[in-house]
Amino acid sequence: MAILLAYIFYFVASTSSKLQRRQLATTRETDVGQIDFAFRVTLIIFVLTPLLILFNRPVFNQPIGTLIMLSTVCGAFGAIALSTQYVAQRHVEAGLTSLIGNIYAPTTIVLATILLNEGLKARQVIGAILLISSVVLVSRKHRLSRWRFDRYFWLNVIAGVALSFGLTAERALIKYNSLTTGALLSWGSGALFLGLAALASGTKSQHNLKEASLTGSLRFLHQVSWIVLVTVVANLSVVSAVATFSTAVTFFAAAIFLHEREDLKRKIIGSFIAAAGLLLMV
């Protein structure tokens, strides 16, 4: 029963976070101030992060120089990932954003193989090919020609690739310290770098504090639901495989609540191909 509830919590939290972000993005007719908004959301997530102590206490095993270096990588690339995704969100459907975001998986595997000495397997290569194929399949709306896509598609790809660098550094923090340590340093550094980027951009978010608080809280619940799921099931491979189907759930939910029904059949097929690819990569 606990496992079933954990899965329900994850699917509800992850889908709600994605749909709310997409719905909020479409209420504005401009992309101005999205970096500032990303900063506000990340800051709220960081403020809520100490709650993770309920699951896992912070442990600092690595030298201070290593912790600073890894935190910097997390913050810099995390800021790039979130800001580019937020800028593109108004132009890209929730399910497609979720699917393209999974591009981080093969990039992270390659980086982990090179930097963390985690072995690269043949099935992971096949899985990466399937994932990329699924992204191309469902991105017809953003295709300018056979092999050319619009800037919003590429912004999401950049977000996924940048996320892979951040997640690799975060994985190192978690692997050699603890889950809470990785979250505190990674998310805190991300808030710092996004704050600097927002200051440099000189543009203010058009979203009010209530909207930022809701977005940050839902995103935090999304991330916590993953932690709960992994803790309860105690099998990362199984959890990762099942959780990939959240993309299909997002497509269905977006069709119902946001009326994003164009090419729904193609999207569902693409999400299952992506799920198969991610299943091979875990």
Protein backbone atom coordinates (compact mmCIF):
# COMPACT_ATOMS: atom_id res chain seq x y z
CA MET A 1 0.00 0.00 0.00
CA ALA A 2 2.84 2.39 0.85
CA ILE A 3 4.46 1.76 -2.55
CA LEU A 4 1.18 2.45 -4.38
CA LEU A 5 0.69 5.70 -2.46
CA ALA A 6 4.29 6.73 -3.21
CA TYR A 7 3.74 6.21 -6.95
CA ILE A 8 0.45 8.14 -6.84
CA PHE A 9 2.19 10.98 -4.96
CA TYR A 10 4.93 11.13 -7.61
CA PHE A 11 2.63 11.10 -10.63
CA VAL A 12 0.28 13.71 -9.14
CA ALA A 13 3.10 15.99 -7.93
CA SER A 14 5.18 15.80 -11.12
CA THR A 15 2.22 16.27 -13.46
CA SER A 16 0.75 19.11 -11.39
CA SER A 17 4.09 20.95 -11.37
CA LYS A 18 4.49 20.70 -15.15
CA LEU A 19 0.92 21.71 -15.96
CA GLN A 20 0.90 24.64 -13.54
CA ARG A 21 4.14 25.98 -14.99
CA ARG A 22 2.82 25.70 -18.56
CA GLN A 23 -0.53 27.28 -17.65
CA LEU A 24 1.19 30.15 -15.88
CA ALA A 25 3.56 30.74 -18.81
CA THR A 26 0.67 31.04 -21.27
CA THR A 27 -1.03 33.76 -19.20
CA ARG A 28 1.66 36.24 -20.27
CA GLU A 29 2.26 37.57 -23.79
CA THR A 30 5.98 38.10 -23.28
CA ASP A 31 9.04 36.12 -22.21
CA VAL A 32 10.53 39.13 -20.40
CA GLY A 33 11.47 38.51 -16.76
CA GLN A 34 11.54 34.72 -16.94
CA ILE A 35 15.08 34.52 -15.55
CA ASP A 36 14.02 36.59 -12.55
CA PHE A 37 11.00 34.33 -12.11
CA ALA A 38 13.21 31.23 -12.28
CA PHE A 39 15.35 32.76 -9.54
CA ARG A 40 12.33 33.40 -7.31
CA VAL A 41 11.08 29.84 -7.79
CA THR A 42 14.51 28.33 -7.06
CA LEU A 43 14.89 30.50 -3.98
CA ILE A 44 11.60 29.17 -2.62
CA ILE A 45 12.73 25.60 -3.30
CA PHE A 46 15.98 26.25 -1.44
CA VAL A 47 14.12 27.73 1.53
CA LEU A 48 12.07 24.53 1.74
CA THR A 49 15.10 22.24 1.29
CA PRO A 50 15.90 21.84 5.04
CA LEU A 51 12.72 19.73 5.23
CA LEU A 52 14.76 16.97 3.54
CA ILE A 53 16.47 16.39 6.89
CA LEU A 54 13.34 14.33 7.67
CA PHE A 55 14.60 11.80 5.10
CA ASN A 56 18.34 12.09 5.32
CA ARG A 57 20.79 14.10 7.44
CA PRO A 58 23.50 16.23 5.77
CA VAL A 59 26.99 14.70 5.70
CA PHE A 60 30.12 16.46 4.39
CA ASN A 61 32.84 13.96 3.52
CA GLN A 62 34.64 15.76 0.69
CA PRO A 63 37.25 18.55 1.04
CA ILE A 64 35.86 22.09 1.07
CA GLY A 65 37.51 22.87 -2.28
CA THR A 66 35.77 19.91 -3.94
CA LEU A 67 32.42 20.86 -2.43
CA ILE A 68 32.77 24.43 -3.73
CA MET A 69 33.78 23.24 -7.21
CA LEU A 70 30.90 20.77 -7.53
CA SER A 71 28.42 23.29 -6.12
CA THR A 72 29.60 25.85 -8.67
CA VAL A 73 29.03 23.41 -11.53
CA CYS A 74 25.57 22.58 -10.15
CA GLY A 75 24.68 26.24 -9.83
CA ALA A 76 26.02 27.46 -13.17
CA PHE A 77 24.56 24.71 -15.33
CA GLY A 78 21.39 24.48 -13.25
CA ALA A 79 20.82 28.19 -13.83
CA ILE A 80 21.31 27.76 -17.58
CA ALA A 81 18.91 24.81 -17.64
CA LEU A 82 16.14 26.50 -15.70
CA SER A 83 16.38 29.92 -17.36
CA THR A 84 16.34 28.54 -20.92
CA GLN A 85 13.44 26.22 -20.11
CA TYR A 86 11.43 29.04 -18.52
CA VAL A 87 11.99 31.31 -21.52
CA ALA A 88 10.78 28.58 -23.88
CA GLN A 89 7.90 27.33 -21.74
CA ARG A 90 5.28 29.73 -23.17
CA HIS A 91 5.94 28.34 -26.66
CA VAL A 92 6.32 24.62 -25.91
CA GLU A 93 3.58 22.32 -24.61
CA ALA A 94 3.93 20.80 -21.15
CA GLY A 95 4.28 17.21 -22.34
CA LEU A 96 6.81 18.09 -25.01
CA THR A 97 8.86 20.07 -22.48
CA SER A 98 8.83 17.00 -20.23
CA LEU A 99 9.86 14.70 -23.08
CA ILE A 100 12.64 16.93 -24.44
CA GLY A 101 13.86 17.43 -20.88
CA ASN A 102 14.65 13.72 -20.73
CA ILE A 103 17.50 14.40 -23.17
CA TYR A 104 19.56 14.97 -20.03
CA ALA A 105 19.59 11.21 -19.42
CA PRO A 106 21.98 10.07 -22.19
CA THR A 107 24.21 13.12 -21.69
CA THR A 108 24.38 12.44 -17.96
CA ILE A 109 25.29 8.81 -18.59
CA VAL A 110 28.16 9.83 -20.88
CA LEU A 111 29.41 12.40 -18.37
CA ALA A 112 29.10 9.94 -15.50
CA THR A 113 31.05 7.38 -17.54
CA ILE A 114 33.88 9.86 -18.18
CA LEU A 115 33.98 11.71 -14.87
CA LEU A 116 32.65 9.22 -12.31
CA ASN A 117 33.94 5.98 -13.90
CA GLU A 118 30.42 4.58 -14.26
CA GLY A 119 30.41 2.02 -17.07
CA LEU A 120 28.65 2.72 -20.38
CA LYS A 121 26.63 -0.27 -21.60
CA ALA A 122 25.41 -1.15 -25.09
CA ARG A 123 21.77 -1.09 -24.00
CA GLN A 124 22.24 2.48 -22.77
CA VAL A 125 23.39 3.52 -26.24
CA ILE A 126 20.30 1.87 -27.77
CA GLY A 127 18.14 3.57 -25.17
CA ALA A 128 19.64 6.95 -26.04
CA ILE A 129 18.87 6.40 -29.74
CA LEU A 130 15.25 5.53 -28.91
CA LEU A 131 14.90 8.60 -26.69
CA ILE A 132 16.27 10.97 -29.33
CA SER A 133 14.02 9.35 -31.94
CA SER A 134 10.97 9.93 -29.74
CA VAL A 135 11.89 13.60 -29.30
CA VAL A 136 12.13 14.09 -33.08
CA LEU A 137 8.83 12.22 -33.56
CA VAL A 138 6.73 14.45 -31.30
CA SER A 139 8.39 17.77 -32.18
CA ARG A 140 6.74 18.20 -35.57
CA LYS A 141 5.17 21.52 -34.55
CA HIS A 142 8.65 22.98 -33.97
CA ARG A 143 10.22 21.56 -37.15
CA LEU A 144 11.15 24.16 -39.76
CA SER A 145 12.36 21.57 -42.25
CA ARG A 146 13.35 17.92 -42.12
CA TRP A 147 16.38 18.49 -39.87
CA ARG A 148 15.80 22.06 -38.67
CA PHE A 149 13.84 23.08 -35.57
CA ASP A 150 12.82 26.44 -34.11
CA ARG A 151 14.66 28.24 -31.31
CA TYR A 152 12.23 27.10 -28.60
CA PHE A 153 12.92 23.46 -29.37
CA TRP A 154 16.64 24.12 -29.13
CA LEU A 155 16.23 26.09 -25.89
CA ASN A 156 14.68 22.98 -24.36
CA VAL A 157 17.50 20.83 -25.72
CA ILE A 158 20.06 23.25 -24.24
CA ALA A 159 18.18 23.05 -20.95
CA GLY A 160 18.38 19.25 -21.00
CA VAL A 161 22.09 19.18 -21.85
CA ALA A 162 22.92 21.82 -19.24
CA LEU A 163 20.87 19.88 -16.70
CA SER A 164 23.00 16.81 -17.36
CA PHE A 165 26.15 18.67 -16.27
CA GLY A 166 24.41 19.92 -13.16
CA LEU A 167 23.01 16.49 -12.32
CA THR A 168 26.42 14.86 -12.79
CA ALA A 169 27.94 17.25 -10.25
CA GLU A 170 24.92 16.80 -7.97
CA ARG A 171 25.27 13.03 -8.24
CA ALA A 172 28.89 13.34 -7.13
CA LEU A 173 27.81 15.41 -4.12
CA ILE A 174 25.18 12.85 -3.18
CA LYS A 175 27.40 9.84 -3.89
CA TYR A 176 30.27 10.96 -1.66
CA ASN A 177 28.27 12.90 0.96
CA SER A 178 24.50 12.48 1.33
CA LEU A 179 21.23 13.20 -0.44
CA THR A 180 20.47 16.23 1.71
CA THR A 181 23.99 17.59 1.24
CA GLY A 182 23.64 17.36 -2.54
CA ALA A 183 20.25 19.08 -2.50
CA LEU A 184 21.31 21.89 -0.17
CA LEU A 185 24.48 22.72 -2.08
CA SER A 186 23.06 22.18 -5.57
CA TRP A 187 19.78 24.04 -5.12
CA GLY A 188 21.39 26.78 -3.05
CA SER A 189 24.06 27.34 -5.66
CA GLY A 190 21.41 27.33 -8.38
CA ALA A 191 19.49 30.07 -6.58
CA LEU A 192 22.71 32.12 -6.24
CA PHE A 193 23.62 31.87 -9.94
CA LEU A 194 20.05 32.58 -11.07
CA GLY A 195 20.01 35.60 -8.79
CA LEU A 196 23.17 36.92 -10.42
CA ALA A 197 21.73 36.22 -13.89
CA ALA A 198 18.49 38.00 -13.01
CA LEU A 199 20.46 40.98 -11.72
CA ALA A 200 22.53 41.09 -14.92
CA SER A 201 19.44 40.86 -17.15
CA GLY A 202 17.91 43.88 -15.45
CA THR A 203 14.34 42.67 -16.09
CA LYS A 204 11.77 41.91 -13.41
CA SER A 205 9.33 39.02 -13.38
CA GLN A 206 5.73 39.80 -14.28
CA HIS A 207 4.57 37.07 -11.92
CA ASN A 208 3.63 38.03 -8.38
CA LEU A 209 4.79 36.47 -5.11
CA LYS A 210 1.74 34.19 -4.93
CA GLU A 211 2.46 32.73 -8.38
CA ALA A 212 6.15 32.26 -7.59
CA SER A 213 5.33 30.63 -4.25
CA LEU A 214 2.87 28.22 -5.84
CA THR A 215 5.30 27.31 -8.64
CA GLY A 216 8.18 26.82 -6.19
CA SER A 217 6.08 24.77 -3.78
CA LEU A 218 4.79 22.47 -6.52
CA ARG A 219 8.31 22.03 -7.91
CA PHE A 220 9.58 21.22 -4.43
CA LEU A 221 6.81 18.63 -3.95
CA HIS A 222 7.74 17.17 -7.34
CA GLN A 223 11.34 16.73 -6.21
CA VAL A 224 10.33 15.44 -2.76
CA SER A 225 7.91 12.93 -4.32
CA TRP A 226 10.87 11.44 -6.20
CA ILE A 227 12.85 11.11 -2.97
CA VAL A 228 9.88 9.45 -1.22
CA LEU A 229 9.39 7.06 -4.13
CA VAL A 230 13.04 5.98 -4.18
CA THR A 231 13.05 5.60 -0.38
CA VAL A 232 9.87 3.49 -0.24
CA VAL A 233 10.53 1.26 -3.26
CA ALA A 234 14.28 0.98 -2.51
CA ASN A 235 15.06 0.05 -6.12
CA LEU A 236 16.24 2.93 -8.29
CA SER A 237 16.07 0.97 -11.56
CA VAL A 238 12.44 -0.02 -11.04
CA VAL A 239 11.48 3.48 -9.94
CA SER A 240 13.21 5.12 -12.90
CA ALA A 241 11.53 2.75 -15.35
CA VAL A 242 8.02 3.31 -14.02
CA ALA A 243 8.51 7.06 -13.52
CA THR A 244 9.32 7.57 -17.21
CA PHE A 245 5.66 6.98 -17.99
CA SER A 246 4.92 10.31 -16.29
CA THR A 247 5.52 11.90 -19.70
CA ALA A 248 2.53 10.01 -21.12
CA VAL A 249 0.48 11.06 -18.09
CA THR A 250 1.51 14.67 -18.71
CA PHE A 251 0.38 14.48 -22.35
CA PHE A 252 -3.02 13.11 -21.28
CA ALA A 253 -3.40 15.65 -18.46
CA ALA A 254 -2.39 18.55 -20.76
CA ALA A 255 -4.98 17.40 -23.29
CA ILE A 256 -7.69 17.38 -20.60
CA PHE A 257 -6.84 20.46 -18.55
CA LEU A 258 -4.94 22.68 -20.99
CA HIS A 259 -6.65 21.47 -24.20
CA GLU A 260 -3.28 20.65 -25.81
CA ARG A 261 -4.65 17.88 -28.03
CA GLU A 262 -2.83 18.41 -31.32
CA ASP A 263 -1.09 15.21 -32.53
CA LEU A 264 -2.04 13.47 -29.26
CA LYS A 265 -1.66 9.98 -30.75
CA ARG A 266 1.84 10.81 -32.01
CA LYS A 267 2.75 12.24 -28.59
CA ILE A 268 1.59 9.16 -26.71
CA ILE A 269 3.49 6.85 -29.07
CA GLY A 270 6.56 9.04 -28.69
CA SER A 271 6.31 9.01 -24.90
CA PHE A 272 6.21 5.20 -24.84
CA ILE A 273 9.23 5.02 -27.16
CA ALA A 274 10.99 7.42 -24.77
CA ALA A 275 9.95 5.28 -21.82
CA ALA A 276 11.40 2.20 -23.52
CA GLY A 277 14.63 4.11 -24.19
CA LEU A 278 14.90 5.35 -20.62
CA LEU A 279 14.13 1.86 -19.36
CA LEU A 280 17.19 0.60 -21.24
CA MET A 281 19.32 3.38 -19.76
CA VAL A 282 18.57 2.78 -16.09
